[in-house]
């Protein structure tokens, strides 16, 4: 069994690519979904509340407020990552261990390189989009101002660095059918 890691920048189209792998029958695990489930974990809520008391609203974390805070404060971002990343990787490792008979398992990890996740992967695929398209997609998707969107993009490793480290790069600046065609080529030529 081998592991394919999918990463890229925010609003680059990782979800589109990951969904195509899932539609083709590959087991896919999304680190963002794991993070979302961890927001229901009382121990995680307590850790976040202890570090960021202003985001606790009657025992529920205000994720918008938390996001605004961490994307403008590198130390706060690091502290939040130190809460989540070990738990996310523990969960991903357990999922991988449960798929001994599958040829490939796919992991969608936006911060794969930033968190050392490539160590889990036999191959890494980076979804790339040109900077203007990325900015416009992020502003539209998350209803952010240009400065808010730029701040979130700049909080991640630059896409060109991720591309240099990748085994495979998919340019998602064009049409959806073109991107899906490229995913299918990779499945047919590389993963089977």
C-alpha atoms as a PDB file:
ATOM      1  CA  UNK A   1       0.000   0.000   0.000  1.00  0.00           C
ATOM      2  CA  UNK A   2       1.220   3.489  -0.904  1.00  0.00           C
ATOM      3  CA  UNK A   3       0.216   6.959   0.211  1.00  0.00           C
ATOM      4  CA  UNK A   4      -0.420   9.913  -2.082  1.00  0.00           C
ATOM      5  CA  UNK A   5      -0.406  13.292  -0.369  1.00  0.00           C
ATOM      6  CA  UNK A   6      -2.347  16.104  -2.013  1.00  0.00           C
ATOM      7  CA  UNK A   7      -1.525  19.679  -1.080  1.00  0.00           C
ATOM      8  CA  UNK A   8      -1.503  23.165  -2.521  1.00  0.00           C
ATOM      9  CA  UNK A   9      -2.356  26.677  -1.495  1.00  0.00           C
ATOM     10  CA  UNK A  10      -5.605  27.917  -0.066  1.00  0.00           C
ATOM     11  CA  UNK A  11      -8.281  28.154  -2.816  1.00  0.00           C
ATOM     12  CA  UNK A  12      -6.099  26.263  -5.293  1.00  0.00           C
ATOM     13  CA  UNK A  13      -8.602  23.482  -5.969  1.00  0.00           C
ATOM     14  CA  UNK A  14      -7.410  20.641  -3.754  1.00  0.00           C
ATOM     15  CA  UNK A  15     -10.994  19.658  -2.975  1.00  0.00           C
ATOM     16  CA  UNK A  16     -11.821  19.267  -6.676  1.00  0.00           C
ATOM     17  CA  UNK A  17      -8.801  17.034  -7.225  1.00  0.00           C
ATOM     18  CA  UNK A  18      -9.372  15.042  -4.046  1.00  0.00           C
ATOM     19  CA  UNK A  19     -13.036  14.459  -4.938  1.00  0.00           C
ATOM     20  CA  UNK A  20     -12.012  13.044  -8.310  1.00  0.00           C
ATOM     21  CA  UNK A  21      -9.723  10.523  -6.589  1.00  0.00           C
ATOM     22  CA  UNK A  22     -12.584   9.620  -4.256  1.00  0.00           C
ATOM     23  CA  UNK A  23     -14.997   9.272  -7.201  1.00  0.00           C
ATOM     24  CA  UNK A  24     -12.498   6.883  -8.814  1.00  0.00           C
ATOM     25  CA  UNK A  25     -12.630   4.644  -5.728  1.00  0.00           C
ATOM     26  CA  UNK A  26      -9.530   5.701  -3.816  1.00  0.00           C
ATOM     27  CA  UNK A  27      -9.825   5.927  -0.032  1.00  0.00           C
ATOM     28  CA  UNK A  28      -9.386   9.637   0.773  1.00  0.00           C
ATOM     29  CA  UNK A  29      -8.802  11.282   4.139  1.00  0.00           C
ATOM     30  CA  UNK A  30      -9.122  15.039   4.473  1.00  0.00           C
ATOM     31  CA  UNK A  31      -7.132  16.667   7.272  1.00  0.00           C
ATOM     32  CA  UNK A  32      -9.525  19.648   7.297  1.00  0.00           C
ATOM     33  CA  UNK A  33     -12.423  17.295   8.064  1.00  0.00           C
ATOM     34  CA  UNK A  34     -10.401  15.806  10.900  1.00  0.00           C
ATOM     35  CA  UNK A  35      -9.800  19.318  12.256  1.00  0.00           C
ATOM     36  CA  UNK A  36     -13.538  20.074  12.013  1.00  0.00           C
ATOM     37  CA  UNK A  37     -14.319  16.952  14.042  1.00  0.00           C
ATOM     38  CA  UNK A  38     -11.704  17.928  16.631  1.00  0.00           C
ATOM     39  CA  UNK A  39     -13.648  21.124  17.310  1.00  0.00           C
ATOM     40  CA  UNK A  40     -16.225  18.831  18.943  1.00  0.00           C
ATOM     41  CA  UNK A  41     -13.617  17.249  21.228  1.00  0.00           C
ATOM     42  CA  UNK A  42     -13.920  18.672  24.747  1.00  0.00           C
ATOM     43  CA  UNK A  43     -10.174  18.322  25.406  1.00  0.00           C
ATOM     44  CA  UNK A  44      -9.369  20.286  22.234  1.00  0.00           C
ATOM     45  CA  UNK A  45     -11.943  22.971  23.087  1.00  0.00           C
ATOM     46  CA  UNK A  46     -10.347  23.320  26.518  1.00  0.00           C
ATOM     47  CA  UNK A  47      -6.858  23.684  25.019  1.00  0.00           C
ATOM     48  CA  UNK A  48      -8.045  26.320  22.531  1.00  0.00           C
ATOM     49  CA  UNK A  49      -9.980  28.194  25.215  1.00  0.00           C
ATOM     50  CA  UNK A  50      -6.954  28.219  27.535  1.00  0.00           C
ATOM     51  CA  UNK A  51      -4.770  29.752  24.820  1.00  0.00           C
ATOM     52  CA  UNK A  52      -7.408  31.927  23.119  1.00  0.00           C
ATOM     53  CA  UNK A  53     -10.069  32.803  25.720  1.00  0.00           C
ATOM     54  CA  UNK A  54     -11.674  35.494  23.507  1.00  0.00           C
ATOM     55  CA  UNK A  55     -12.879  32.919  20.960  1.00  0.00           C
ATOM     56  CA  UNK A  56     -14.888  30.875  23.456  1.00  0.00           C
ATOM     57  CA  UNK A  57     -18.582  31.665  23.180  1.00  0.00           C
ATOM     58  CA  UNK A  58     -20.515  29.632  25.750  1.00  0.00           C
ATOM     59  CA  UNK A  59     -18.374  26.534  25.300  1.00  0.00           C
ATOM     60  CA  UNK A  60     -18.259  26.779  21.509  1.00  0.00           C
ATOM     61  CA  UNK A  61     -15.263  28.055  19.582  1.00  0.00           C
ATOM     62  CA  UNK A  62     -16.046  30.994  17.291  1.00  0.00           C
ATOM     63  CA  UNK A  63     -14.000  29.739  14.343  1.00  0.00           C
ATOM     64  CA  UNK A  64     -14.292  32.957  12.329  1.00  0.00           C
ATOM     65  CA  UNK A  65     -12.894  34.962  15.229  1.00  0.00           C
ATOM     66  CA  UNK A  66     -10.159  32.359  15.747  1.00  0.00           C
ATOM     67  CA  UNK A  67      -9.291  32.385  12.032  1.00  0.00           C
ATOM     68  CA  UNK A  68      -9.043  36.159  11.958  1.00  0.00           C
ATOM     69  CA  UNK A  69      -6.758  36.019  14.971  1.00  0.00           C
ATOM     70  CA  UNK A  70      -4.347  33.337  13.760  1.00  0.00           C
ATOM     71  CA  UNK A  71      -3.990  34.628  10.219  1.00  0.00           C
ATOM     72  CA  UNK A  72      -2.722  37.938  11.604  1.00  0.00           C
ATOM     73  CA  UNK A  73      -0.496  36.593  14.364  1.00  0.00           C
ATOM     74  CA  UNK A  74       2.220  34.035  13.501  1.00  0.00           C
ATOM     75  CA  UNK A  75       2.735  33.038  17.142  1.00  0.00           C
ATOM     76  CA  UNK A  76      -0.987  32.428  17.655  1.00  0.00           C
ATOM     77  CA  UNK A  77      -1.041  30.419  14.417  1.00  0.00           C
ATOM     78  CA  UNK A  78       1.857  28.267  15.626  1.00  0.00           C
ATOM     79  CA  UNK A  79       0.170  27.711  18.984  1.00  0.00           C
ATOM     80  CA  UNK A  80      -3.071  26.573  17.338  1.00  0.00           C
ATOM     81  CA  UNK A  81      -1.156  24.288  14.984  1.00  0.00           C
ATOM     82  CA  UNK A  82       0.599  22.743  17.998  1.00  0.00           C
ATOM     83  CA  UNK A  83      -2.830  21.860  19.379  1.00  0.00           C
ATOM     84  CA  UNK A  84      -4.198  20.346  16.162  1.00  0.00           C
ATOM     85  CA  UNK A  85      -1.363  18.871  14.113  1.00  0.00           C
ATOM     86  CA  UNK A  86      -0.336  16.016  16.437  1.00  0.00           C
ATOM     87  CA  UNK A  87      -3.969  14.915  16.738  1.00  0.00           C
ATOM     88  CA  UNK A  88      -4.546  15.173  12.970  1.00  0.00           C
ATOM     89  CA  UNK A  89      -1.466  13.081  12.163  1.00  0.00           C
ATOM     90  CA  UNK A  90      -2.362  10.505  14.791  1.00  0.00           C
ATOM     91  CA  UNK A  91      -5.764  10.123  13.093  1.00  0.00           C
ATOM     92  CA  UNK A  92      -4.253   9.976   9.581  1.00  0.00           C
ATOM     93  CA  UNK A  93      -1.775   7.277  10.636  1.00  0.00           C
ATOM     94  CA  UNK A  94      -4.635   5.200  12.050  1.00  0.00           C
ATOM     95  CA  UNK A  95      -6.564   5.551   8.773  1.00  0.00           C
ATOM     96  CA  UNK A  96      -3.514   4.483   6.753  1.00  0.00           C
ATOM     97  CA  UNK A  97      -2.991   1.455   8.984  1.00  0.00           C
ATOM     98  CA  UNK A  98      -6.578   0.339   8.285  1.00  0.00           C
ATOM     99  CA  UNK A  99      -5.989   0.149   4.521  1.00  0.00           C
ATOM    100  CA  UNK A 100      -3.340  -2.510   4.174  1.00  0.00           C
ATOM    101  CA  UNK A 101      -5.048  -4.080   1.141  1.00  0.00           C
ATOM    102  CA  UNK A 102      -5.550  -0.927  -0.926  1.00  0.00           C
ATOM    103  CA  UNK A 103      -2.963  -0.043  -3.539  1.00  0.00           C
ATOM    104  CA  UNK A 104      -3.136   3.679  -2.669  1.00  0.00           C
ATOM    105  CA  UNK A 105      -4.539   5.833   0.104  1.00  0.00           C
ATOM    106  CA  UNK A 106      -4.972   9.568  -0.589  1.00  0.00           C
ATOM    107  CA  UNK A 107      -4.412  12.232   2.067  1.00  0.00           C
ATOM    108  CA  UNK A 108      -5.626  15.802   1.530  1.00  0.00           C
ATOM    109  CA  UNK A 109      -3.342  17.940   3.706  1.00  0.00           C
ATOM    110  CA  UNK A 110      -3.254  21.676   2.930  1.00  0.00           C
ATOM    111  CA  UNK A 111      -0.198  22.252   5.148  1.00  0.00           C
ATOM    112  CA  UNK A 112       1.567  19.024   4.189  1.00  0.00           C
ATOM    113  CA  UNK A 113       5.033  20.524   3.707  1.00  0.00           C
ATOM    114  CA  UNK A 114       4.672  23.026   6.534  1.00  0.00           C
ATOM    115  CA  UNK A 115       3.952  20.197   9.001  1.00  0.00           C
ATOM    116  CA  UNK A 116       6.341  17.518   7.724  1.00  0.00           C
ATOM    117  CA  UNK A 117       3.509  15.408   6.333  1.00  0.00           C
ATOM    118  CA  UNK A 118       5.513  14.363   3.292  1.00  0.00           C
ATOM    119  CA  UNK A 119       7.192  11.807   5.586  1.00  0.00           C
ATOM    120  CA  UNK A 120       3.924   9.808   5.462  1.00  0.00           C
ATOM    121  CA  UNK A 121       3.742   9.922   1.663  1.00  0.00           C
ATOM    122  CA  UNK A 122       5.230   7.866  -1.119  1.00  0.00           C
ATOM    123  CA  UNK A 123       4.299  10.597  -3.580  1.00  0.00           C
ATOM    124  CA  UNK A 124       3.108  14.207  -3.274  1.00  0.00           C
ATOM    125  CA  UNK A 125       0.781  15.986  -5.693  1.00  0.00           C
ATOM    126  CA  UNK A 126       0.571  19.784  -5.573  1.00  0.00           C
ATOM    127  CA  UNK A 127      -2.480  21.560  -6.960  1.00  0.00           C
ATOM    128  CA  UNK A 128      -1.358  24.870  -8.395  1.00  0.00           C
ATOM    129  CA  UNK A 129      -3.290  27.943  -9.462  1.00  0.00           C
ATOM    130  CA  UNK A 130      -1.918  31.285 -10.634  1.00  0.00           C
ATOM    131  CA  UNK A 131      -1.775  33.991  -7.919  1.00  0.00           C
ATOM    132  CA  UNK A 132      -4.508  36.222  -9.379  1.00  0.00           C
ATOM    133  CA  UNK A 133      -6.933  33.327  -9.711  1.00  0.00           C
ATOM    134  CA  UNK A 134      -6.086  32.141  -6.190  1.00  0.00           C
ATOM    135  CA  UNK A 135      -6.739  35.583  -4.725  1.00  0.00           C
ATOM    136  CA  UNK A 136     -10.029  36.016  -6.591  1.00  0.00           C
ATOM    137  CA  UNK A 137     -11.267  32.533  -5.695  1.00  0.00           C
ATOM    138  CA  UNK A 138     -10.426  33.005  -2.017  1.00  0.00           C
ATOM    139  CA  UNK A 139     -12.144  36.401  -1.812  1.00  0.00           C
ATOM    140  CA  UNK A 140     -15.273  35.011  -3.488  1.00  0.00           C
ATOM    141  CA  UNK A 141     -15.359  31.718  -1.592  1.00  0.00           C
ATOM    142  CA  UNK A 142     -14.738  33.104   1.892  1.00  0.00           C
ATOM    143  CA  UNK A 143     -16.245  36.571   1.403  1.00  0.00           C
ATOM    144  CA  UNK A 144     -12.948  38.237   2.309  1.00  0.00           C
ATOM    145  CA  UNK A 145     -11.501  41.611   1.442  1.00  0.00           C
ATOM    146  CA  UNK A 146      -8.408  41.646  -0.730  1.00  0.00           C
ATOM    147  CA  UNK A 147      -6.158  42.372   2.267  1.00  0.00           C
ATOM    148  CA  UNK A 148      -7.743  39.561   4.326  1.00  0.00           C
ATOM    149  CA  UNK A 149      -7.309  37.108   1.452  1.00  0.00           C
ATOM    150  CA  UNK A 150      -3.695  38.152   0.869  1.00  0.00           C
ATOM    151  CA  UNK A 151      -2.968  37.702   4.565  1.00  0.00           C
ATOM    152  CA  UNK A 152      -4.294  34.128   4.465  1.00  0.00           C
ATOM    153  CA  UNK A 153      -2.357  33.283   1.304  1.00  0.00           C
ATOM    154  CA  UNK A 154       0.842  34.720   2.765  1.00  0.00           C
ATOM    155  CA  UNK A 155       0.391  32.660   5.943  1.00  0.00           C
ATOM    156  CA  UNK A 156       1.140  29.514   3.908  1.00  0.00           C
ATOM    157  CA  UNK A 157       4.273  28.333   2.168  1.00  0.00           C
ATOM    158  CA  UNK A 158       4.401  29.924  -1.310  1.00  0.00           C
ATOM    159  CA  UNK A 159       2.918  27.701  -4.015  1.00  0.00           C
ATOM    160  CA  UNK A 160       6.088  27.861  -6.124  1.00  0.00           C
ATOM    161  CA  UNK A 161       8.030  26.281  -3.229  1.00  0.00           C
ATOM    162  CA  UNK A 162       5.483  23.503  -2.913  1.00  0.00           C
ATOM    163  CA  UNK A 163       5.641  22.914  -6.663  1.00  0.00           C
ATOM    164  CA  UNK A 164       9.434  22.549  -6.543  1.00  0.00           C
ATOM    165  CA  UNK A 165       9.145  19.844  -3.894  1.00  0.00           C
ATOM    166  CA  UNK A 166       6.271  17.943  -5.525  1.00  0.00           C
ATOM    167  CA  UNK A 167       6.400  14.689  -7.457  1.00  0.00           C
ATOM    168  CA  UNK A 168       3.379  15.756  -9.531  1.00  0.00           C
ATOM    169  CA  UNK A 169       1.883  19.205 -10.199  1.00  0.00           C
ATOM    170  CA  UNK A 170      -1.615  19.908 -11.478  1.00  0.00           C
ATOM    171  CA  UNK A 171      -2.322  23.402 -12.808  1.00  0.00           C
ATOM    172  CA  UNK A 172      -5.912  24.198 -11.844  1.00  0.00           C
ATOM    173  CA  UNK A 173      -5.971  27.698 -13.358  1.00  0.00           C
ATOM    174  CA  UNK A 174      -8.057  26.532 -16.313  1.00  0.00           C
ATOM    175  CA  UNK A 175     -11.360  24.742 -16.603  1.00  0.00           C
ATOM    176  CA  UNK A 176     -12.705  22.049 -14.298  1.00  0.00           C
ATOM    177  CA  UNK A 177     -12.862  19.465 -17.126  1.00  0.00           C
ATOM    178  CA  UNK A 178      -9.189  20.127 -17.949  1.00  0.00           C
ATOM    179  CA  UNK A 179      -8.189  19.602 -14.310  1.00  0.00           C
ATOM    180  CA  UNK A 180     -10.216  16.394 -14.037  1.00  0.00           C
ATOM    181  CA  UNK A 181      -8.667  15.137 -17.278  1.00  0.00           C
ATOM    182  CA  UNK A 182      -5.201  15.655 -15.755  1.00  0.00           C
ATOM    183  CA  UNK A 183      -6.233  13.790 -12.568  1.00  0.00           C
ATOM    184  CA  UNK A 184      -7.467  10.872 -14.669  1.00  0.00           C
ATOM    185  CA  UNK A 185      -4.160  10.808 -16.584  1.00  0.00           C
ATOM    186  CA  UNK A 186      -2.275  10.592 -13.301  1.00  0.00           C
ATOM    187  CA  UNK A 187      -4.497   7.776 -12.074  1.00  0.00           C
ATOM    188  CA  UNK A 188      -4.063   5.833 -15.323  1.00  0.00           C
ATOM    189  CA  UNK A 189      -0.342   6.414 -15.859  1.00  0.00           C
ATOM    190  CA  UNK A 190       1.108   6.728 -12.375  1.00  0.00           C
ATOM    191  CA  UNK A 191      -1.086   5.113  -9.760  1.00  0.00           C
ATOM    192  CA  UNK A 192      -2.348   1.968 -11.457  1.00  0.00           C
END
